[in-house]
Amino acid sequence: MAALNPPVCDFGWSAPDFSLPGTDGRLHSLASARGPRGLLLMFICNHCPYVQAILDRLLRDCHALEAEGVGCIAIMSNDTAAYPDDSFERMQALAREQAFPFPYVYDESQAVARAYGAVCTPDFFGFNGELKLQYRGRLDASGRQPGPADARRELYEAMLQVARTGQGPREQQASIGCSIKWREA
């Protein structure tokens, strides 16, 4: 399985709207996910070793960002027929077991992943309070294995800056992860 990197941040790009079912039984949208000071939108999945390597750090950082007025939402867009570990039922189980502090939603049609230009899992999109893109980088130095315990919290620091100033850092390291598992046309 090849590792992919998303493109660099397209500063100021507007977040496309969506309405997707969550593991909590509710529909979630761009408006319901955003916080007053920003939004961290993440494409993740259950089976990806890159996501598994950072999940505990991601949950820690999302808890902390919520306190700063940044909403968080995770979107799963993989082809579940080809990757049954990413099924909606398994998404529900993971969200429950890990006590996700954010909605975990299912993009069955893959239309939202396409609208955002998502490339891999994890793929992070950090928006300011006006829903303009300010961060498209990595969580930290982790890869298929967790980075060092004292790794710089790049995504958290970037989103704090976005929440406080409306602007993201100009220097960003791209995320790395498994490709989105697209359905065959």
Protein backbone atom coordinates (compact mmCIF):
# COMPACT_ATOMS: atom_id res chain seq x y z
CA MET A 1 0.00 0.00 0.00
CA ALA A 2 1.60 3.21 -1.19
CA ALA A 3 1.82 6.24 1.06
CA LEU A 4 0.46 9.46 -0.39
CA ASN A 5 0.86 13.12 0.52
CA PRO A 6 -1.87 15.71 -0.09
CA PRO A 7 -1.03 18.98 -1.85
CA VAL A 8 0.05 22.07 0.05
CA CYS A 9 -2.50 24.43 1.58
CA ASP A 10 -4.61 26.48 -0.84
CA PHE A 11 -4.98 29.43 1.56
CA GLY A 12 -8.43 31.02 1.53
CA TRP A 13 -10.20 28.17 -0.30
CA SER A 14 -13.84 27.95 0.91
CA ALA A 15 -15.10 24.77 2.59
CA PRO A 16 -17.75 22.95 0.51
CA ASP A 17 -21.00 22.19 2.33
CA PHE A 18 -22.13 18.65 3.09
CA SER A 19 -24.74 16.68 5.03
CA LEU A 20 -23.66 13.22 6.13
CA PRO A 21 -24.91 10.55 8.56
CA GLY A 22 -22.92 10.18 11.75
CA THR A 23 -22.19 7.18 13.90
CA ASP A 24 -24.30 8.91 16.55
CA GLY A 25 -27.46 8.52 14.42
CA ARG A 26 -27.63 12.21 13.47
CA LEU A 27 -26.98 14.11 10.26
CA HIS A 28 -23.99 16.44 10.38
CA SER A 29 -23.21 19.39 8.12
CA LEU A 30 -20.56 22.03 7.69
CA ALA A 31 -22.69 24.39 9.79
CA SER A 32 -23.21 21.91 12.62
CA ALA A 33 -19.53 20.91 12.75
CA ARG A 34 -17.91 24.33 12.76
CA GLY A 35 -16.86 26.09 15.91
CA PRO A 36 -17.01 29.86 16.40
CA ARG A 37 -13.24 30.11 15.78
CA GLY A 38 -12.70 27.43 13.15
CA LEU A 39 -13.14 23.89 11.95
CA LEU A 40 -10.81 20.93 11.69
CA LEU A 41 -12.18 18.57 9.05
CA MET A 42 -10.39 15.22 8.83
CA PHE A 43 -10.61 12.35 6.39
CA ILE A 44 -9.83 9.20 8.35
CA CYS A 45 -10.82 5.53 8.36
CA ASN A 46 -10.67 2.56 10.69
CA HIS A 47 -8.17 0.30 8.94
CA CYS A 48 -5.37 2.70 7.96
CA PRO A 49 -2.13 2.15 9.93
CA TYR A 50 -1.31 5.88 9.63
CA VAL A 51 -4.60 6.77 11.34
CA GLN A 52 -4.17 4.04 13.94
CA ALA A 53 -0.68 5.38 14.74
CA ILE A 54 -2.03 8.85 15.62
CA LEU A 55 -5.52 8.19 16.92
CA ASP A 56 -4.74 8.78 20.61
CA ARG A 57 -2.93 12.06 19.77
CA LEU A 58 -5.72 13.14 17.44
CA LEU A 59 -8.33 12.61 20.16
CA ARG A 60 -6.18 14.56 22.65
CA ASP A 61 -5.77 17.46 20.24
CA CYS A 62 -9.45 17.57 19.25
CA HIS A 63 -10.45 17.74 22.92
CA ALA A 64 -8.05 20.66 23.39
CA LEU A 65 -9.18 22.44 20.20
CA GLU A 66 -12.83 22.24 21.23
CA ALA A 67 -11.93 24.30 24.32
CA GLU A 68 -10.45 26.92 21.94
CA GLY A 69 -13.66 27.23 19.88
CA VAL A 70 -12.56 24.97 17.01
CA GLY A 71 -15.09 22.37 15.88
CA CYS A 72 -13.86 19.00 14.66
CA ILE A 73 -15.41 16.37 12.38
CA ALA A 74 -14.05 13.15 10.87
CA ILE A 75 -15.24 11.85 7.50
CA MET A 76 -14.81 8.28 6.26
CA SER A 77 -15.04 8.04 2.47
CA ASN A 78 -13.50 4.65 1.64
CA ASP A 79 -15.18 1.94 -0.46
CA THR A 80 -16.54 -0.30 2.30
CA ALA A 81 -17.28 -3.18 -0.08
CA ALA A 82 -13.55 -3.48 -0.74
CA TYR A 83 -12.56 -2.49 2.83
CA PRO A 84 -15.13 -3.98 5.25
CA ASP A 85 -13.11 -2.85 8.30
CA ASP A 86 -14.34 0.63 7.39
CA SER A 87 -18.03 -0.32 7.36
CA PHE A 88 -20.52 1.99 9.06
CA GLU A 89 -21.04 -0.58 11.83
CA ARG A 90 -17.29 -0.73 12.48
CA MET A 91 -17.13 3.06 12.36
CA GLN A 92 -19.80 3.12 15.08
CA ALA A 93 -17.86 0.60 17.18
CA LEU A 94 -14.58 2.56 16.88
CA ALA A 95 -16.23 5.88 17.73
CA ARG A 96 -17.88 4.31 20.77
CA GLU A 97 -14.77 2.39 21.96
CA GLN A 98 -12.50 5.43 21.61
CA ALA A 99 -15.12 7.95 22.85
CA PHE A 100 -14.63 10.22 19.83
CA PRO A 101 -15.11 13.86 20.91
CA PHE A 102 -16.27 14.75 17.38
CA PRO A 103 -18.82 13.43 14.88
CA TYR A 104 -17.59 10.53 12.74
CA VAL A 105 -19.56 10.61 9.50
CA TYR A 106 -19.90 8.38 6.45
CA ASP A 107 -19.41 9.73 2.92
CA GLU A 108 -20.89 6.70 1.14
CA SER A 109 -21.08 8.39 -2.29
CA GLN A 110 -17.52 9.72 -1.93
CA ALA A 111 -18.83 13.08 -3.21
CA VAL A 112 -17.54 14.99 -0.18
CA ALA A 113 -14.04 13.52 -0.49
CA ARG A 114 -14.03 14.54 -4.16
CA ALA A 115 -15.32 18.06 -3.36
CA TYR A 116 -12.51 18.55 -0.85
CA GLY A 117 -9.86 16.93 -3.01
CA ALA A 118 -9.06 14.45 -0.23
CA VAL A 119 -6.10 12.28 -1.07
CA CYS A 120 -5.27 10.09 1.89
CA THR A 121 -6.12 9.03 5.43
CA PRO A 122 -5.42 11.03 7.45
CA ASP A 123 -5.96 14.21 5.44
CA PHE A 124 -6.49 17.35 7.53
CA PHE A 125 -8.25 20.56 6.47
CA GLY A 126 -8.05 23.42 8.97
CA PHE A 127 -10.48 26.29 8.40
CA ASN A 128 -10.78 29.64 10.17
CA GLY A 129 -14.02 31.07 11.57
CA GLU A 130 -15.02 32.21 8.07
CA LEU A 131 -14.49 28.64 6.77
CA LYS A 132 -11.49 29.62 4.66
CA LEU A 133 -8.70 27.03 4.45
CA GLN A 134 -5.64 27.86 6.55
CA TYR A 135 -4.03 24.46 7.22
CA ARG A 136 -3.45 21.32 5.14
CA GLY A 137 -0.64 19.71 7.05
CA ARG A 138 0.12 16.77 9.26
CA LEU A 139 -0.73 16.06 12.88
CA ASP A 140 2.91 15.62 13.85
CA ALA A 141 6.01 13.66 12.81
CA SER A 142 4.20 10.32 13.04
CA GLY A 143 4.00 7.98 10.06
CA ARG A 144 2.99 4.31 10.05
CA GLN A 145 4.29 4.27 13.62
CA PRO A 146 3.68 6.92 16.27
CA GLY A 147 6.28 9.65 16.35
CA PRO A 148 8.29 10.37 19.51
CA ALA A 149 6.28 11.18 22.63
CA ASP A 150 7.66 14.72 22.59
CA ALA A 151 6.89 15.32 18.88
CA ARG A 152 5.85 18.87 18.10
CA ARG A 153 2.04 19.14 17.93
CA GLU A 154 1.99 20.75 14.48
CA LEU A 155 -1.74 20.51 13.76
CA TYR A 156 -2.72 21.63 17.26
CA GLU A 157 -0.34 24.61 17.15
CA ALA A 158 -1.51 25.56 13.66
CA MET A 159 -5.18 25.39 14.63
CA LEU A 160 -4.54 27.46 17.77
CA GLN A 161 -2.96 30.10 15.53
CA VAL A 162 -5.95 29.90 13.16
CA ALA A 163 -8.39 30.23 16.08
CA ARG A 164 -6.56 33.22 17.52
CA THR A 165 -5.59 35.11 14.34
CA GLY A 166 -7.70 33.67 11.50
CA GLN A 167 -4.46 32.83 9.66
CA GLY A 168 -2.56 29.55 9.45
CA PRO A 169 1.21 29.12 9.42
CA ARG A 170 2.85 29.64 6.05
CA GLU A 171 5.20 26.69 6.58
CA GLN A 172 3.34 23.36 6.71
CA GLN A 173 4.46 19.75 6.41
CA ALA A 174 2.09 17.62 4.33
CA SER A 175 0.28 14.74 5.96
CA ILE A 176 1.08 11.21 4.87
CA GLY A 177 -1.23 8.24 4.74
CA CYS A 178 -2.99 5.54 2.78
CA SER A 179 -4.87 6.55 -0.35
CA ILE A 180 -8.61 7.09 -0.25
CA LYS A 181 -10.11 3.80 -1.43
CA TRP A 182 -12.18 4.95 -4.42
CA ARG A 183 -14.97 2.80 -5.80
CA GLU A 184 -14.55 1.70 -9.38
CA ALA A 185 -16.70 3.72 -11.77
